[in-house]
Amino acid sequence: MDFLQPRSWADALAARAERPDAVPIAGGTDLMVDLNFDRRRPGALLDLGRVAELREWSVGDGAGGGRTVRLGAGVPYARIVDELGDRLPGLAMAARTVGSPQIRVRGTVGGNLGSASPAGDAHPPLLAVGAVIEVESAARGARRIPAADFYTGVKRSALAEDELIAAVLLPEAAGPQQFCKVGTRNAMVIAVSAFACALHPDRKAVGTGIGSAAPTPRRAPEAEEFLAGELDSAGLWDSRGELPETLARAFGERVAAAASPIDDVRGSAAYRRHSLSVMARRSVLWAWTQYQHDLRKAA
């Protein structure tokens, strides 16, 4: 097995074009497991750990007058927690649940996207905020893929074989965000099911992301439209009054209905649906309480 170690983004793209059999590796927290168990034996590994451009993040103007974080694909989870908790709270919450401290120092959102596992912790918050994946090839240049279109099947994505993930573009939080997951223990666990929600009061919208309960990570569009519409018709976006428990429960039921879970060694399909309903209900109540608190704090 060859080991390729480019030191610049241009060299990385060139190596990807020349060696389509090379598997990109960043933190190695997913890939090394497969190699150790002899599930994969690629012709080469393309180590991206020395490409400085991938380990940077920046903030710029986004669409609609907001601000957008450009998160390099090689920024590890630990830095997301330490440096971006105020700008990307949902993703930071998810990052705190990834493996052990050692894994969080090595693992990256780019690696999560590259493996495209339906159980990846980063996927639900990316979907909930409408993130966009920036990818590039030496031959065709760069293109952007909405997170909702990125996942195409179980551990498959829209990434072409000569492309690498450069960055993820996420809007700075305009409102509260939450992330929840259920597992067999509190730490170092693969999610049985996971859920993220984001309130977007600037455009009176709700975002969702479901993990580990379908062949791919996915949104719950009907649940989003239902809750946003009910909040608008009741004037709650403006008044920030109490969120009725019945409304939160109905939102949770619609989130669960959007899933397509299976029975496996980690949990049953029925349990996954039930847990999603509970997590969605609780997370939107927590997010709404924070939304109310933010107004009182500002006053």
Protein backbone atom coordinates (compact mmCIF):
# COMPACT_ATOMS: atom_id res chain seq x y z
CA MET A 1 0.00 0.00 0.00
CA ASP A 2 1.41 3.40 -1.02
CA PHE A 3 1.31 6.36 1.34
CA LEU A 4 0.87 9.78 -0.29
CA GLN A 5 1.41 12.90 1.81
CA PRO A 6 0.82 16.18 -0.06
CA ARG A 7 1.65 19.42 1.72
CA SER A 8 -0.62 21.77 -0.24
CA TRP A 9 -4.19 21.72 -1.51
CA ALA A 10 -3.02 21.83 -5.13
CA ASP A 11 -0.76 18.84 -4.57
CA ALA A 12 -3.59 16.97 -2.85
CA LEU A 13 -5.91 17.49 -5.82
CA ALA A 14 -3.17 16.41 -8.21
CA ALA A 15 -2.52 13.25 -6.21
CA ARG A 16 -6.26 12.48 -6.14
CA ALA A 17 -6.42 12.80 -9.93
CA GLU A 18 -3.36 10.63 -10.49
CA ARG A 19 -4.32 7.93 -8.01
CA PRO A 20 -8.12 7.38 -8.05
CA ASP A 21 -7.52 4.22 -5.99
CA ALA A 22 -6.10 6.30 -3.12
CA VAL A 23 -8.41 6.68 -0.12
CA PRO A 24 -8.24 10.10 1.57
CA ILE A 25 -7.40 10.03 5.27
CA ALA A 26 -7.57 12.93 7.73
CA GLY A 27 -7.98 11.91 11.37
CA GLY A 28 -8.30 8.25 10.43
CA THR A 29 -10.90 7.58 13.12
CA ASP A 30 -13.19 5.72 10.68
CA LEU A 31 -10.79 4.46 8.04
CA MET A 32 -8.25 2.91 10.40
CA VAL A 33 -10.95 0.73 11.93
CA ASP A 34 -11.73 -0.70 8.50
CA LEU A 35 -8.03 -1.24 7.76
CA ASN A 36 -7.38 -2.91 11.10
CA PHE A 37 -10.25 -5.33 10.55
CA ASP A 38 -9.18 -5.89 6.93
CA ARG A 39 -12.49 -4.62 5.57
CA ARG A 40 -10.67 -2.39 3.09
CA ARG A 41 -7.30 -2.70 1.39
CA PRO A 42 -6.86 0.31 -0.91
CA GLY A 43 -3.92 0.70 -3.25
CA ALA A 44 -2.87 3.90 -1.50
CA LEU A 45 -3.70 6.26 1.36
CA LEU A 46 -3.86 9.98 0.66
CA ASP A 47 -2.93 11.68 3.93
CA LEU A 48 -4.43 15.19 4.11
CA GLY A 49 -3.16 15.95 7.60
CA ARG A 50 -0.35 18.25 6.39
CA VAL A 51 -2.54 20.38 4.12
CA ALA A 52 -2.73 23.62 6.11
CA GLU A 53 -5.65 25.07 4.12
CA LEU A 54 -7.93 22.30 5.38
CA ARG A 55 -7.27 23.10 9.04
CA GLU A 56 -8.51 26.70 8.93
CA TRP A 57 -11.90 28.34 9.43
CA SER A 58 -13.07 31.85 8.59
CA VAL A 59 -16.19 34.01 8.65
CA GLY A 60 -17.54 36.01 5.73
CA ASP A 61 -20.70 37.54 4.34
CA GLY A 62 -23.37 35.02 3.43
CA ALA A 63 -26.51 35.08 1.34
CA GLY A 64 -29.29 37.30 2.59
CA GLY A 65 -27.03 39.55 4.64
CA GLY A 66 -26.06 36.97 7.26
CA ARG A 67 -22.63 35.68 8.14
CA THR A 68 -21.26 32.32 6.99
CA VAL A 69 -18.58 30.17 8.57
CA ARG A 70 -16.28 28.42 6.12
CA LEU A 71 -15.10 25.38 8.07
CA GLY A 72 -12.09 23.64 6.58
CA ALA A 73 -12.62 19.90 6.14
CA GLY A 74 -9.64 19.17 8.39
CA VAL A 75 -10.66 21.25 11.42
CA PRO A 76 -10.96 18.71 14.27
CA TYR A 77 -13.99 18.37 16.53
CA ALA A 78 -12.08 19.63 19.57
CA ARG A 79 -11.48 22.98 17.88
CA ILE A 80 -15.13 23.25 16.85
CA VAL A 81 -16.08 22.86 20.52
CA ASP A 82 -13.45 25.34 21.75
CA GLU A 83 -13.63 27.97 19.00
CA LEU A 84 -17.04 27.82 17.34
CA GLY A 85 -19.58 27.05 20.06
CA ASP A 86 -21.13 30.51 19.84
CA ARG A 87 -21.27 30.62 16.04
CA LEU A 88 -22.23 26.97 15.36
CA PRO A 89 -23.86 25.76 18.58
CA GLY A 90 -25.61 22.72 17.10
CA LEU A 91 -22.47 21.39 15.47
CA ALA A 92 -20.48 22.09 18.64
CA MET A 93 -23.01 20.08 20.67
CA ALA A 94 -22.65 17.19 18.29
CA ALA A 95 -18.86 17.49 18.35
CA ARG A 96 -18.87 17.10 22.14
CA THR A 97 -20.51 13.68 21.78
CA VAL A 98 -17.97 12.28 19.30
CA GLY A 99 -15.93 9.46 20.83
CA SER A 100 -13.26 10.21 23.41
CA PRO A 101 -11.13 13.36 23.82
CA GLN A 102 -8.44 11.67 21.75
CA ILE A 103 -10.91 11.01 18.92
CA ARG A 104 -12.17 14.60 19.03
CA VAL A 105 -8.62 15.89 18.61
CA ARG A 106 -8.18 13.81 15.45
CA GLY A 107 -11.66 13.40 13.95
CA THR A 108 -13.08 15.94 11.49
CA VAL A 109 -16.37 16.90 9.89
CA GLY A 110 -14.72 16.31 6.51
CA GLY A 111 -13.99 12.73 7.55
CA ASN A 112 -17.59 12.26 8.68
CA LEU A 113 -18.78 13.47 5.29
CA GLY A 114 -16.25 11.34 3.44
CA SER A 115 -17.46 8.13 5.07
CA ALA A 116 -21.12 9.28 4.79
CA SER A 117 -22.24 6.86 7.49
CA PRO A 118 -25.90 7.41 8.43
CA ALA A 119 -24.76 7.31 12.08
CA GLY A 120 -22.23 10.16 11.73
CA ASP A 121 -22.78 12.72 14.49
CA ALA A 122 -22.00 15.77 12.33
CA HIS A 123 -24.69 15.10 9.73
CA PRO A 124 -27.90 16.09 11.60
CA PRO A 125 -26.69 19.60 12.57
CA LEU A 126 -25.39 20.19 9.04
CA LEU A 127 -28.83 19.36 7.66
CA ALA A 128 -30.65 21.43 10.27
CA VAL A 129 -28.83 24.64 9.30
CA GLY A 130 -28.77 24.05 5.55
CA ALA A 131 -25.00 23.59 5.26
CA VAL A 132 -23.29 23.41 1.89
CA ILE A 133 -20.37 21.11 1.11
CA GLU A 134 -17.54 22.59 -0.98
CA VAL A 135 -15.71 19.97 -3.05
CA GLU A 136 -13.06 20.25 -5.73
CA SER A 137 -11.23 18.27 -8.39
CA ALA A 138 -8.10 19.13 -10.34
CA ALA A 139 -9.90 18.70 -13.67
CA ARG A 140 -13.26 20.42 -13.08
CA GLY A 141 -12.56 22.86 -10.29
CA ALA A 142 -14.79 23.54 -7.30
CA ARG A 143 -18.51 23.02 -6.84
CA ARG A 144 -20.94 23.27 -3.95
CA ILE A 145 -23.41 20.59 -2.85
CA PRO A 146 -26.24 21.27 -0.37
CA ALA A 147 -26.00 18.88 2.57
CA ALA A 148 -29.51 17.61 1.80
CA ASP A 149 -28.24 16.41 -1.62
CA PHE A 150 -24.86 15.12 -0.48
CA TYR A 151 -25.93 11.72 0.91
CA THR A 152 -26.98 9.30 -1.84
CA GLY A 153 -27.07 5.91 -0.09
CA VAL A 154 -25.68 3.88 2.78
CA LYS A 155 -22.12 5.20 3.15
CA ARG A 156 -22.36 6.77 -0.32
CA SER A 157 -22.25 10.42 -1.32
CA ALA A 158 -22.35 12.74 -4.31
CA LEU A 159 -18.56 13.10 -4.15
CA ALA A 160 -16.92 12.10 -7.46
CA GLU A 161 -13.94 9.76 -7.37
CA ASP A 162 -11.50 12.53 -8.32
CA GLU A 163 -12.90 15.08 -5.84
CA LEU A 164 -11.87 16.01 -2.32
CA ILE A 165 -13.90 17.80 0.34
CA ALA A 166 -12.45 21.28 0.85
CA ALA A 167 -14.80 22.86 3.38
CA VAL A 168 -18.29 23.12 4.79
CA LEU A 169 -20.21 26.39 4.62
CA LEU A 170 -22.60 26.99 7.52
CA PRO A 171 -24.61 30.10 8.39
CA GLU A 172 -23.87 31.61 11.78
CA ALA A 173 -26.66 30.75 14.19
CA ALA A 174 -29.53 33.24 14.08
CA GLY A 175 -31.38 31.39 16.83
CA PRO A 176 -31.08 28.47 19.25
CA GLN A 177 -29.91 25.04 18.08
CA GLN A 178 -29.99 21.64 19.78
CA PHE A 179 -28.53 18.18 19.22
CA CYS A 180 -29.48 14.90 20.89
CA LYS A 181 -28.49 11.31 20.43
CA VAL A 182 -29.34 7.98 22.03
CA GLY A 183 -26.72 5.30 22.58
CA THR A 184 -25.97 2.32 24.76
CA ARG A 185 -23.76 4.44 27.03
CA ASN A 186 -22.90 8.09 27.59
CA ALA A 187 -19.52 8.24 25.85
CA MET A 188 -17.64 6.68 22.91
CA VAL A 189 -20.82 5.31 21.39
CA ILE A 190 -22.28 5.03 17.90
CA ALA A 191 -25.72 6.61 17.89
CA VAL A 192 -28.78 4.38 17.92
CA SER A 193 -30.60 7.49 16.71
CA ALA A 194 -29.78 11.19 16.63
CA PHE A 195 -31.62 14.44 16.03
CA ALA A 196 -30.75 18.10 15.53
CA CYS A 197 -33.02 21.11 15.30
CA ALA A 198 -32.38 24.78 14.59
CA LEU A 199 -34.69 27.75 14.99
CA HIS A 200 -34.24 30.43 12.33
CA PRO A 201 -36.29 33.36 13.66
CA ASP A 202 -34.80 35.73 11.08
CA ARG A 203 -36.79 33.92 8.41
CA LYS A 204 -39.37 32.23 10.66
CA ALA A 205 -38.19 28.75 9.74
CA VAL A 206 -37.28 25.52 11.51
CA GLY A 207 -34.49 23.14 10.49
CA THR A 208 -34.16 19.44 11.31
CA GLY A 209 -31.66 16.64 10.86
CA ILE A 210 -32.14 12.92 11.53
CA GLY A 211 -29.26 10.51 12.02
CA SER A 212 -28.93 6.72 12.32
CA ALA A 213 -32.59 6.13 11.50
CA ALA A 214 -32.63 5.84 7.69
CA PRO A 215 -30.27 4.69 4.91
CA THR A 216 -28.90 8.24 4.81
CA PRO A 217 -29.00 11.25 7.13
CA ARG A 218 -32.11 13.22 6.27
CA ARG A 219 -34.32 16.17 7.14
CA ALA A 220 -37.95 16.04 8.22
CA PRO A 221 -39.44 18.66 5.84
CA GLU A 222 -43.08 18.12 6.80
CA ALA A 223 -42.24 18.56 10.48
CA GLU A 224 -40.27 21.72 9.71
CA GLU A 225 -43.09 23.29 7.71
CA PHE A 226 -45.71 22.25 10.25
CA LEU A 227 -43.96 23.78 13.25
CA ALA A 228 -42.85 26.96 11.47
CA GLY A 229 -46.38 27.51 10.19
CA GLU A 230 -48.01 26.91 13.58
CA LEU A 231 -45.58 29.29 15.28
CA ASP A 232 -46.30 31.94 12.66
CA SER A 233 -50.07 31.60 12.73
CA ALA A 234 -50.09 31.83 16.55
CA GLY A 235 -47.81 34.86 16.50
CA LEU A 236 -45.24 33.07 18.65
CA TRP A 237 -42.22 34.05 16.59
CA ASP A 238 -42.87 37.67 17.56
CA SER A 239 -44.37 37.27 21.03
CA ARG A 240 -42.05 34.46 22.16
CA GLY A 241 -44.88 33.12 24.27
CA GLU A 242 -44.96 29.63 25.71
CA LEU A 243 -44.65 26.77 23.22
CA PRO A 244 -47.61 24.43 23.82
CA GLU A 245 -46.61 20.91 24.81
CA THR A 246 -49.17 19.56 22.33
CA LEU A 247 -47.43 21.41 19.50
CA ALA A 248 -44.02 20.08 20.50
CA ARG A 249 -45.44 16.57 20.70
CA ALA A 250 -47.04 16.85 17.24
CA PHE A 251 -43.69 18.07 15.89
CA GLY A 252 -41.97 15.02 17.39
CA GLU A 253 -44.49 12.66 15.82
CA ARG A 254 -43.86 14.17 12.39
CA VAL A 255 -40.10 13.88 12.83
CA ALA A 256 -40.45 10.20 13.70
CA ALA A 257 -42.68 9.65 10.66
CA ALA A 258 -39.92 11.02 8.41
CA ALA A 259 -37.47 8.28 9.46
CA SER A 260 -36.98 4.88 7.80
CA PRO A 261 -35.25 2.89 10.54
CA ILE A 262 -34.24 -0.77 10.61
CA ASP A 263 -33.70 -3.38 13.30
CA ASP A 264 -30.03 -4.02 14.01
CA VAL A 265 -27.70 -4.92 16.87
CA ARG A 266 -27.89 -1.39 18.32
CA GLY A 267 -31.67 -1.05 18.43
CA SER A 268 -35.01 -1.86 16.88
CA ALA A 269 -36.83 0.20 14.28
CA ALA A 270 -39.67 0.81 16.73
CA TYR A 271 -37.29 2.10 19.38
CA ARG A 272 -35.59 4.40 16.91
CA ARG A 273 -38.90 5.95 15.88
CA HIS A 274 -39.96 6.39 19.51
CA SER A 275 -36.62 7.92 20.52
CA LEU A 276 -36.73 10.37 17.62
CA SER A 277 -40.20 11.50 18.66
CA VAL A 278 -39.01 12.08 22.22
CA MET A 279 -35.76 13.80 21.22
CA ALA A 280 -37.53 16.09 18.75
CA ARG A 281 -40.15 17.09 21.34
CA ARG A 282 -37.57 17.76 24.02
CA SER A 283 -35.06 19.53 21.81
CA VAL A 284 -37.60 21.97 20.37
CA LEU A 285 -38.83 22.79 23.88
CA TRP A 286 -35.25 23.41 25.01
CA ALA A 287 -34.57 25.55 21.95
CA TRP A 288 -37.76 27.56 22.46
CA THR A 289 -36.95 28.15 26.13
CA GLN A 290 -33.57 29.49 25.05
CA TYR A 291 -35.29 31.69 22.46
CA GLN A 292 -37.47 33.17 25.22
CA HIS A 293 -34.47 33.57 27.53
CA ASP A 294 -32.52 35.43 24.85
CA LEU A 295 -35.27 38.07 24.69
CA ARG A 296 -35.40 38.46 28.46
CA LYS A 297 -31.61 38.72 28.60
CA ALA A 298 -31.60 41.38 25.89
CA ALA A 299 -34.29 43.34 27.76
